[in-house]
Protein backbone atom coordinates (compact mmCIF):
# COMPACT_ATOMS: atom_id res chain seq x y z
CA UNK A 1 10.04 0.88 22.10
CA UNK A 2 9.42 -0.14 18.59
CA UNK A 3 9.26 -3.73 19.62
CA UNK A 4 6.57 -3.06 22.25
CA UNK A 5 4.55 -0.88 19.69
CA UNK A 6 4.37 -3.57 17.22
CA UNK A 7 3.41 -5.52 20.08
CA UNK A 8 0.62 -3.21 20.32
CA UNK A 9 -0.56 -2.72 16.55
CA UNK A 10 -0.44 -6.94 15.57
CA UNK A 11 -2.71 -7.19 19.07
CA UNK A 12 -5.13 -4.68 17.52
CA UNK A 13 -4.49 -6.54 13.94
CA UNK A 14 -5.66 -9.68 15.90
CA UNK A 15 -8.81 -8.37 17.83
CA UNK A 16 -10.02 -6.83 14.31
CA UNK A 17 -9.69 -9.92 12.73
CA UNK A 18 -11.53 -11.67 15.22
CA UNK A 19 -14.44 -8.74 15.44
CA UNK A 20 -14.58 -9.36 11.76
CA UNK A 21 -14.85 -13.10 11.76
CA UNK A 22 -11.60 -12.93 9.94
CA UNK A 23 -8.00 -14.85 10.74
CA UNK A 24 -5.47 -12.65 11.62
CA UNK A 25 -2.85 -13.81 8.97
CA UNK A 26 -4.94 -12.20 6.38
CA UNK A 27 -3.56 -8.79 7.16
CA UNK A 28 -0.36 -7.74 6.38
CA UNK A 29 1.43 -5.20 8.37
CA UNK A 30 3.70 -2.61 6.48
CA UNK A 31 5.69 -0.78 8.26
CA UNK A 32 5.90 2.84 6.92
CA UNK A 33 9.50 4.16 7.85
CA UNK A 34 9.45 7.42 5.89
CA UNK A 35 11.83 9.86 7.35
CA UNK A 36 12.94 7.38 9.97
CA UNK A 37 16.84 6.37 10.13
CA UNK A 38 17.79 2.53 8.56
CA UNK A 39 18.63 1.47 12.73
CA UNK A 40 14.54 2.45 13.55
CA UNK A 41 13.62 -0.59 10.76
CA UNK A 42 16.14 -2.68 11.56
CA UNK A 43 14.30 -2.75 15.25
CA UNK A 44 11.45 -3.57 13.35
CA UNK A 45 12.98 -5.88 11.29
CA UNK A 46 14.93 -7.73 14.22
CA UNK A 47 11.56 -8.19 15.55
CA UNK A 48 10.34 -10.31 12.54
CA UNK A 49 8.90 -7.80 10.07
CA UNK A 50 9.76 -7.80 6.67
CA UNK A 51 7.20 -5.23 5.00
CA UNK A 52 8.33 -2.11 4.87
CA UNK A 53 6.78 1.13 3.13
CA UNK A 54 8.31 4.18 1.90
CA UNK A 55 6.77 7.75 0.09
CA UNK A 56 9.56 8.62 -1.72
CA UNK A 57 11.53 7.16 -4.33
CA UNK A 58 15.35 8.64 -2.93
CA UNK A 59 14.68 7.26 0.71
CA UNK A 60 13.85 3.58 -0.50
CA UNK A 61 17.11 4.20 -2.68
CA UNK A 62 19.03 5.29 0.20
CA UNK A 63 17.56 2.78 2.39
CA UNK A 64 17.86 -0.69 0.04
CA UNK A 65 21.52 -1.15 0.32
CA UNK A 66 21.97 -0.76 3.82
CA UNK A 67 19.18 -2.45 5.11
CA UNK A 68 18.53 -6.45 4.77
CA UNK A 69 18.25 -8.16 1.22
CA UNK A 70 15.16 -10.10 2.12
CA UNK A 71 12.77 -7.13 3.07
CA UNK A 72 9.94 -6.26 0.76
CA UNK A 73 9.74 -2.89 -0.24
CA UNK A 74 6.34 -1.15 -0.77
CA UNK A 75 6.11 2.17 -2.54
CA UNK A 76 3.24 3.65 -0.67
CA UNK A 77 3.78 7.29 -1.89
CA UNK A 78 2.80 9.46 -5.25
CA UNK A 79 5.27 8.28 -8.11
CA UNK A 80 6.54 10.60 -10.27
CA UNK A 81 7.38 8.56 -13.65
CA UNK A 82 10.57 10.01 -14.34
CA UNK A 83 11.36 7.93 -11.01
CA UNK A 84 9.94 4.59 -12.10
CA UNK A 85 13.38 3.89 -13.45
CA UNK A 86 15.00 3.65 -10.06
CA UNK A 87 12.55 1.30 -8.53
CA UNK A 88 10.81 -0.70 -10.93
CA UNK A 89 13.33 -3.61 -10.23
CA UNK A 90 13.68 -2.93 -6.33
CA UNK A 91 10.24 -3.42 -4.69
CA UNK A 92 7.72 -5.76 -3.97
CA UNK A 93 4.78 -3.70 -4.84
CA UNK A 94 3.88 -0.12 -5.81
CA UNK A 95 0.81 0.97 -4.28
CA UNK A 96 0.33 4.43 -5.95
CA UNK A 97 -0.50 3.75 -9.70
CA UNK A 98 -3.22 6.31 -10.27
CA UNK A 99 -2.73 6.95 -14.39
CA UNK A 100 -2.22 4.71 -17.09
CA UNK A 101 0.40 6.97 -17.85
CA UNK A 102 1.99 5.86 -15.24
CA UNK A 103 1.07 2.46 -15.29
CA UNK A 104 2.92 2.50 -19.18
CA UNK A 105 6.10 4.32 -17.62
CA UNK A 106 6.34 1.19 -15.44
CA UNK A 107 5.85 -1.04 -18.00
CA UNK A 108 8.05 0.49 -20.23
CA UNK A 109 10.82 0.10 -17.55
CA UNK A 110 9.95 -3.60 -16.80
CA UNK A 111 10.41 -4.72 -20.19
CA UNK A 112 14.06 -3.06 -19.95
CA UNK A 113 14.61 -5.00 -17.11
CA UNK A 114 12.81 -8.06 -17.73
CA UNK A 115 10.82 -7.89 -14.88
CA UNK A 116 6.78 -7.89 -14.06
CA UNK A 117 5.99 -5.25 -11.54
CA UNK A 118 2.98 -5.87 -9.12
CA UNK A 119 0.88 -2.84 -8.82
CA UNK A 120 -2.24 -1.14 -6.89
CA UNK A 121 -4.56 0.98 -8.35
CA UNK A 122 -4.59 4.36 -5.75
CA UNK A 123 -8.63 5.52 -6.06
CA UNK A 124 -9.49 8.62 -4.32
CA UNK A 125 -12.47 7.11 -2.35
CA UNK A 126 -13.38 10.63 -0.48
CA UNK A 127 -12.16 12.67 -3.66
CA UNK A 128 -10.03 15.08 -1.56
CA UNK A 129 -8.24 17.32 -3.50
CA UNK A 130 -5.10 17.37 -1.86
CA UNK A 131 -4.85 13.47 -2.70
CA UNK A 132 -4.10 11.79 -5.61
CA UNK A 133 -6.09 8.76 -7.34
CA UNK A 134 -8.59 7.90 -9.94
CA UNK A 135 -12.33 8.33 -8.76
CA UNK A 136 -14.50 5.14 -8.08
CA UNK A 137 -16.53 5.38 -11.23
CA UNK A 138 -13.23 5.83 -13.37
CA UNK A 139 -10.92 2.40 -11.56
CA UNK A 140 -12.70 0.09 -13.44
CA UNK A 141 -11.82 0.99 -16.80
CA UNK A 142 -8.31 2.18 -16.05
CA UNK A 143 -8.21 -1.32 -14.81
CA UNK A 144 -8.84 -2.79 -18.12
CA UNK A 145 -6.68 -0.64 -20.04
CA UNK A 146 -3.57 -1.37 -17.50
CA UNK A 147 -4.28 -4.68 -17.64
CA UNK A 148 -3.02 -4.54 -21.28
CA UNK A 149 0.26 -3.99 -20.43
CA UNK A 150 2.66 -7.09 -20.71
CA UNK A 151 4.79 -6.32 -17.57
CA UNK A 152 2.25 -4.82 -14.91
CA UNK A 153 0.20 -7.21 -12.85
CA UNK A 154 -2.71 -5.24 -11.30
CA UNK A 155 -2.95 -7.10 -7.31
CA UNK A 156 -6.10 -5.16 -6.19
CA UNK A 157 -6.49 -1.43 -4.91
CA UNK A 158 -5.39 1.07 -2.14
CA UNK A 159 -6.67 4.21 -0.75
CA UNK A 160 -5.57 6.86 1.59
CA UNK A 161 -8.72 7.89 4.17
CA UNK A 162 -9.18 11.28 4.84
CA UNK A 163 -7.47 12.18 8.15
CA UNK A 164 -9.86 12.32 10.80
CA UNK A 165 -10.53 12.41 14.63
CA UNK A 166 -12.73 9.62 14.48
CA UNK A 167 -11.92 6.18 12.77
CA UNK A 168 -15.56 5.43 12.44
CA UNK A 169 -15.80 8.52 9.63
CA UNK A 170 -13.63 6.34 7.71
CA UNK A 171 -15.63 3.43 7.49
CA UNK A 172 -17.78 4.26 4.85
CA UNK A 173 -14.41 4.86 2.10
CA UNK A 174 -12.83 1.77 3.13
CA UNK A 175 -16.69 -0.32 2.60
CA UNK A 176 -16.76 1.73 -0.92
CA UNK A 177 -13.05 0.31 -1.41
CA UNK A 178 -14.27 -2.96 -0.86
CA UNK A 179 -17.29 -2.92 -2.63
CA UNK A 180 -15.54 -1.76 -5.91
CA UNK A 181 -12.78 -4.09 -5.33
CA UNK A 182 -15.54 -7.19 -5.30
CA UNK A 183 -17.66 -5.72 -8.49
CA UNK A 184 -13.88 -5.76 -10.43
CA UNK A 185 -13.30 -9.16 -9.39
CA UNK A 186 -16.80 -10.06 -10.86
CA UNK A 187 -15.68 -8.99 -14.30
CA UNK A 188 -12.98 -11.43 -14.56
CA UNK A 189 -10.71 -8.96 -16.69
CA UNK A 190 -7.46 -11.19 -17.56
CA UNK A 191 -4.23 -10.16 -15.50
CA UNK A 192 -5.95 -8.56 -13.04
CA UNK A 193 -6.36 -9.67 -9.27
CA UNK A 194 -8.27 -8.39 -6.62
CA UNK A 195 -6.94 -9.94 -3.87
CA UNK A 196 -4.95 -6.84 -2.42
CA UNK A 197 -6.80 -4.13 -0.31
CA UNK A 198 -3.99 -1.55 1.12
CA UNK A 199 -6.20 0.55 3.07
CA UNK A 200 -5.85 2.09 6.91
CA UNK A 201 -3.21 3.80 8.37
CA UNK A 202 -2.07 4.78 12.56
CA UNK A 203 -5.23 6.31 12.82
CA UNK A 204 -7.94 4.15 11.85
CA UNK A 205 -6.42 0.50 10.61
CA UNK A 206 -8.75 -1.20 12.92
CA UNK A 207 -11.72 0.40 10.97
CA UNK A 208 -10.12 -0.78 7.76
CA UNK A 209 -9.61 -4.39 8.73
CA UNK A 210 -13.21 -4.34 10.01
CA UNK A 211 -14.03 -3.65 6.13
CA UNK A 212 -11.69 -5.72 4.42
CA UNK A 213 -8.07 -4.59 4.03
CA UNK A 214 -5.62 -6.86 3.60
CA UNK A 215 -2.23 -4.65 4.32
CA UNK A 216 -2.34 -1.71 6.91
CA UNK A 217 -0.07 1.19 6.86
CA UNK A 218 1.36 1.70 10.11
CA UNK A 219 4.09 4.40 10.27
CA UNK A 220 3.30 6.82 13.45
CA UNK A 221 1.72 4.11 15.74
CA UNK A 222 5.56 2.15 15.11
CA UNK A 223 7.85 4.51 14.66
CA UNK A 224 6.36 7.18 16.82
CA UNK A 225 5.94 10.78 14.96
CA UNK A 226 7.19 11.56 12.32
CA UNK A 227 10.88 13.94 11.50
CA UNK A 228 10.35 16.57 8.74
CA UNK A 229 13.07 18.72 9.37
């Protein structure tokens, strides 16, 4: 089932890229594996996928030792400062940096472990009270401050769009994030890159790709509904 689902998702990515005049390899699929057992991740791995996203530090720590070590792990959930030390040298990218305080903690722990940590700044474009993230207006200033931290490298932006019935309803938010990334790129801030736009999930990743997503985070569409038991 997982292999078939991946094939469908990959075909959708390809067709969305074609619709937007983009190349298929401009978009990386992150298999979001939260609440799913390692055996299911291994199925996706065996199908050729190497990017996996987790929401919780504990789940990351449980899965990393039992899965192949060439997996690129993405921390996509809200990250508490007291959990930073466990993952700074284990993840490929942290998608959910939403404050200077969190970035400073990442920098502190990264310096201890002699690594540079790649991050995305999370923007709450739709300004939903239930979601984390900085605002569109505060993002540039936050990034300029984070850019001063020697062991942190800003690689782009991330957003979690609202849960909607019609994917088209989220196009406006993806468009705004893309525009913000263009505006920030033009400022040429040292130590800041805007190559990555992490946006779009199972319900709306095709629209996100049309609006410029370079990473899409798909869980249910690959592994089926989550089990929160």
